[in-house]
């Protein structure tokens, strides 16, 4: 591990891999906090979805989230209902919808993943369309 000390403050950064170049006092760096710190439920499309909770949690609790692989997420009716209709995006309320490039409300949404198998029943009825979640492998 490499430890970096700043003379103008009290910040110490510990990195797991060596820094591949020499740094001087005139160099600068940018860091960001973990995106998994302080996760909250959101009812807007302002924030990225970082994962699907594996259980219900209240404020102040730690929890595990799933970021990759098979999962069920509350779908809108069109998810998995038609041929070649596989790609899904997150909606503002945590559910998923089909990616529809002609729909201004979801054409640029965050990718949730893809439908693993089409919904059963046909005719647009929604079965259990399991999603292959694709947030972070």
C-alpha atoms as a PDB file:
ATOM      1  CA  UNK A   1       0.000   0.000   0.000  1.00  0.00           C
ATOM      2  CA  UNK A   2       1.112   3.534  -0.684  1.00  0.00           C
ATOM      3  CA  UNK A   3       0.342   6.222   1.871  1.00  0.00           C
ATOM      4  CA  UNK A   4       0.182   9.859   0.780  1.00  0.00           C
ATOM      5  CA  UNK A   5       0.438  12.706   3.312  1.00  0.00           C
ATOM      6  CA  UNK A   6      -0.507  16.307   2.628  1.00  0.00           C
ATOM      7  CA  UNK A   7       1.519  19.019   4.350  1.00  0.00           C
ATOM      8  CA  UNK A   8      -1.248  21.609   4.126  1.00  0.00           C
ATOM      9  CA  UNK A   9      -3.822  19.504   5.934  1.00  0.00           C
ATOM     10  CA  UNK A  10      -4.522  16.289   7.770  1.00  0.00           C
ATOM     11  CA  UNK A  11      -5.665  14.115   4.874  1.00  0.00           C
ATOM     12  CA  UNK A  12      -4.010  10.743   4.337  1.00  0.00           C
ATOM     13  CA  UNK A  13      -4.831   8.608   1.332  1.00  0.00           C
ATOM     14  CA  UNK A  14      -3.996   4.920   1.346  1.00  0.00           C
ATOM     15  CA  UNK A  15      -3.990   3.305  -2.081  1.00  0.00           C
ATOM     16  CA  UNK A  16      -3.738  -0.420  -2.722  1.00  0.00           C
ATOM     17  CA  UNK A  17      -1.441  -0.262  -5.743  1.00  0.00           C
ATOM     18  CA  UNK A  18       1.792   1.644  -6.316  1.00  0.00           C
ATOM     19  CA  UNK A  19       1.517   4.999  -8.060  1.00  0.00           C
ATOM     20  CA  UNK A  20       3.309   4.449 -11.405  1.00  0.00           C
ATOM     21  CA  UNK A  21       4.941   7.885 -11.532  1.00  0.00           C
ATOM     22  CA  UNK A  22       6.748  10.269  -9.239  1.00  0.00           C
ATOM     23  CA  UNK A  23       4.620  13.002  -7.667  1.00  0.00           C
ATOM     24  CA  UNK A  24       5.821  16.390  -6.468  1.00  0.00           C
ATOM     25  CA  UNK A  25       4.247  19.041  -4.279  1.00  0.00           C
ATOM     26  CA  UNK A  26       3.035  20.867  -7.399  1.00  0.00           C
ATOM     27  CA  UNK A  27       1.026  17.835  -8.571  1.00  0.00           C
ATOM     28  CA  UNK A  28      -2.657  17.548  -7.834  1.00  0.00           C
ATOM     29  CA  UNK A  29      -5.078  14.650  -7.680  1.00  0.00           C
ATOM     30  CA  UNK A  30      -8.805  14.156  -7.508  1.00  0.00           C
ATOM     31  CA  UNK A  31     -10.575  11.558  -5.415  1.00  0.00           C
ATOM     32  CA  UNK A  32     -14.197  10.715  -4.838  1.00  0.00           C
ATOM     33  CA  UNK A  33     -15.989   8.967  -2.037  1.00  0.00           C
ATOM     34  CA  UNK A  34     -17.353   5.489  -2.522  1.00  0.00           C
ATOM     35  CA  UNK A  35     -20.616   5.597  -4.489  1.00  0.00           C
ATOM     36  CA  UNK A  36     -21.891   2.861  -2.155  1.00  0.00           C
ATOM     37  CA  UNK A  37     -21.584   5.029   0.960  1.00  0.00           C
ATOM     38  CA  UNK A  38     -24.805   6.423   2.379  1.00  0.00           C
ATOM     39  CA  UNK A  39     -27.233   4.824  -0.082  1.00  0.00           C
ATOM     40  CA  UNK A  40     -30.783   6.140   0.073  1.00  0.00           C
ATOM     41  CA  UNK A  41     -34.079   5.454  -1.618  1.00  0.00           C
ATOM     42  CA  UNK A  42     -34.913   7.990  -4.287  1.00  0.00           C
ATOM     43  CA  UNK A  43     -38.206   8.959  -5.863  1.00  0.00           C
ATOM     44  CA  UNK A  44     -36.650  10.992  -8.659  1.00  0.00           C
ATOM     45  CA  UNK A  45     -34.425  10.289 -11.627  1.00  0.00           C
ATOM     46  CA  UNK A  46     -31.744  12.614 -10.267  1.00  0.00           C
ATOM     47  CA  UNK A  47     -29.536   9.904  -8.723  1.00  0.00           C
ATOM     48  CA  UNK A  48     -27.993   6.741 -10.129  1.00  0.00           C
ATOM     49  CA  UNK A  49     -29.224   3.350  -8.968  1.00  0.00           C
ATOM     50  CA  UNK A  50     -26.250   1.633  -7.303  1.00  0.00           C
ATOM     51  CA  UNK A  51     -27.855  -1.760  -6.719  1.00  0.00           C
ATOM     52  CA  UNK A  52     -30.918  -3.684  -5.669  1.00  0.00           C
ATOM     53  CA  UNK A  53     -31.319  -4.223  -1.914  1.00  0.00           C
ATOM     54  CA  UNK A  54     -31.454  -7.851  -0.849  1.00  0.00           C
ATOM     55  CA  UNK A  55     -33.700  -7.004   2.111  1.00  0.00           C
ATOM     56  CA  UNK A  56     -35.622  -4.073   3.544  1.00  0.00           C
ATOM     57  CA  UNK A  57     -33.529  -1.660   5.604  1.00  0.00           C
ATOM     58  CA  UNK A  58     -34.390   1.406   7.634  1.00  0.00           C
ATOM     59  CA  UNK A  59     -32.409   4.604   8.024  1.00  0.00           C
ATOM     60  CA  UNK A  60     -28.997   4.114   9.590  1.00  0.00           C
ATOM     61  CA  UNK A  61     -28.728   0.407   8.777  1.00  0.00           C
ATOM     62  CA  UNK A  62     -26.110  -1.256   6.623  1.00  0.00           C
ATOM     63  CA  UNK A  63     -27.303  -3.588   3.901  1.00  0.00           C
ATOM     64  CA  UNK A  64     -26.104  -5.715   1.022  1.00  0.00           C
ATOM     65  CA  UNK A  65     -27.075  -4.723  -2.489  1.00  0.00           C
ATOM     66  CA  UNK A  66     -26.952  -6.808  -5.637  1.00  0.00           C
ATOM     67  CA  UNK A  67     -25.187  -5.172  -8.589  1.00  0.00           C
ATOM     68  CA  UNK A  68     -24.934  -7.992 -11.139  1.00  0.00           C
ATOM     69  CA  UNK A  69     -26.709 -11.168 -12.121  1.00  0.00           C
ATOM     70  CA  UNK A  70     -30.251 -12.563 -12.114  1.00  0.00           C
ATOM     71  CA  UNK A  71     -32.802 -10.597 -10.098  1.00  0.00           C
ATOM     72  CA  UNK A  72     -36.472  -9.700 -10.113  1.00  0.00           C
ATOM     73  CA  UNK A  73     -37.251  -5.976 -10.221  1.00  0.00           C
ATOM     74  CA  UNK A  74     -40.799  -4.569 -10.281  1.00  0.00           C
ATOM     75  CA  UNK A  75     -41.506  -4.237 -14.018  1.00  0.00           C
ATOM     76  CA  UNK A  76     -43.763  -2.029 -16.057  1.00  0.00           C
ATOM     77  CA  UNK A  77     -46.188  -3.952 -18.299  1.00  0.00           C
ATOM     78  CA  UNK A  78     -44.082  -3.759 -21.471  1.00  0.00           C
ATOM     79  CA  UNK A  79     -40.975  -5.361 -19.935  1.00  0.00           C
ATOM     80  CA  UNK A  80     -40.332  -8.720 -21.563  1.00  0.00           C
ATOM     81  CA  UNK A  81     -43.618  -8.723 -23.467  1.00  0.00           C
ATOM     82  CA  UNK A  82     -42.377  -8.656 -27.030  1.00  0.00           C
ATOM     83  CA  UNK A  83     -39.767 -10.133 -29.308  1.00  0.00           C
ATOM     84  CA  UNK A  84     -36.415  -8.365 -29.207  1.00  0.00           C
ATOM     85  CA  UNK A  85     -37.713  -6.236 -26.324  1.00  0.00           C
ATOM     86  CA  UNK A  86     -34.970  -7.106 -23.854  1.00  0.00           C
ATOM     87  CA  UNK A  87     -33.093  -3.990 -22.700  1.00  0.00           C
ATOM     88  CA  UNK A  88     -34.413  -2.375 -19.500  1.00  0.00           C
ATOM     89  CA  UNK A  89     -33.844   0.948 -17.783  1.00  0.00           C
ATOM     90  CA  UNK A  90     -34.510   2.119 -14.227  1.00  0.00           C
ATOM     91  CA  UNK A  91     -37.467   4.427 -13.658  1.00  0.00           C
ATOM     92  CA  UNK A  92     -37.724   7.225 -11.077  1.00  0.00           C
ATOM     93  CA  UNK A  93     -39.633   4.962  -8.659  1.00  0.00           C
ATOM     94  CA  UNK A  94     -37.175   2.036  -8.653  1.00  0.00           C
ATOM     95  CA  UNK A  95     -39.131  -0.099 -11.104  1.00  0.00           C
ATOM     96  CA  UNK A  96     -37.894  -0.931 -14.583  1.00  0.00           C
ATOM     97  CA  UNK A  97     -39.252  -0.197 -18.033  1.00  0.00           C
ATOM     98  CA  UNK A  98     -38.343  -1.222 -21.546  1.00  0.00           C
ATOM     99  CA  UNK A  99     -35.802   0.986 -23.277  1.00  0.00           C
ATOM    100  CA  UNK A 100     -37.787   2.860 -25.914  1.00  0.00           C
ATOM    101  CA  UNK A 101     -35.725   5.279 -27.986  1.00  0.00           C
ATOM    102  CA  UNK A 102     -38.898   7.047 -29.155  1.00  0.00           C
ATOM    103  CA  UNK A 103     -40.016   7.814 -25.564  1.00  0.00           C
ATOM    104  CA  UNK A 104     -38.462  11.017 -24.215  1.00  0.00           C
ATOM    105  CA  UNK A 105     -39.122   9.900 -20.624  1.00  0.00           C
ATOM    106  CA  UNK A 106     -36.912   6.826 -20.764  1.00  0.00           C
ATOM    107  CA  UNK A 107     -34.738   6.986 -23.890  1.00  0.00           C
ATOM    108  CA  UNK A 108     -31.732   8.153 -21.849  1.00  0.00           C
ATOM    109  CA  UNK A 109     -32.389   6.316 -18.591  1.00  0.00           C
ATOM    110  CA  UNK A 110     -29.837   4.323 -16.613  1.00  0.00           C
ATOM    111  CA  UNK A 111     -29.451   0.809 -17.997  1.00  0.00           C
ATOM    112  CA  UNK A 112     -30.722  -1.796 -15.535  1.00  0.00           C
ATOM    113  CA  UNK A 113     -29.945  -4.888 -17.595  1.00  0.00           C
ATOM    114  CA  UNK A 114     -31.776  -7.220 -19.921  1.00  0.00           C
ATOM    115  CA  UNK A 115     -34.725  -9.597 -19.731  1.00  0.00           C
ATOM    116  CA  UNK A 116     -33.476 -13.178 -19.401  1.00  0.00           C
ATOM    117  CA  UNK A 117     -36.692 -14.717 -20.785  1.00  0.00           C
ATOM    118  CA  UNK A 118     -39.837 -13.165 -22.214  1.00  0.00           C
ATOM    119  CA  UNK A 119     -42.862 -12.827 -19.961  1.00  0.00           C
ATOM    120  CA  UNK A 120     -45.246 -15.752 -19.995  1.00  0.00           C
ATOM    121  CA  UNK A 121     -48.795 -15.506 -21.259  1.00  0.00           C
ATOM    122  CA  UNK A 122     -48.161 -13.411 -24.357  1.00  0.00           C
ATOM    123  CA  UNK A 123     -50.443 -10.602 -25.379  1.00  0.00           C
ATOM    124  CA  UNK A 124     -48.569  -8.140 -23.168  1.00  0.00           C
ATOM    125  CA  UNK A 125     -49.443  -9.844 -19.879  1.00  0.00           C
ATOM    126  CA  UNK A 126     -46.570  -9.657 -17.442  1.00  0.00           C
ATOM    127  CA  UNK A 127     -45.138 -12.852 -15.995  1.00  0.00           C
ATOM    128  CA  UNK A 128     -42.032 -12.994 -13.852  1.00  0.00           C
ATOM    129  CA  UNK A 129     -39.566 -11.396 -16.225  1.00  0.00           C
ATOM    130  CA  UNK A 130     -36.237 -11.994 -14.517  1.00  0.00           C
ATOM    131  CA  UNK A 131     -33.586  -9.427 -15.319  1.00  0.00           C
ATOM    132  CA  UNK A 132     -29.854  -9.895 -15.694  1.00  0.00           C
ATOM    133  CA  UNK A 133     -28.814  -6.892 -13.606  1.00  0.00           C
ATOM    134  CA  UNK A 134     -25.864  -4.966 -15.086  1.00  0.00           C
ATOM    135  CA  UNK A 135     -24.787  -2.199 -12.705  1.00  0.00           C
ATOM    136  CA  UNK A 136     -21.289  -3.284 -11.630  1.00  0.00           C
ATOM    137  CA  UNK A 137     -19.733  -6.728 -12.210  1.00  0.00           C
END
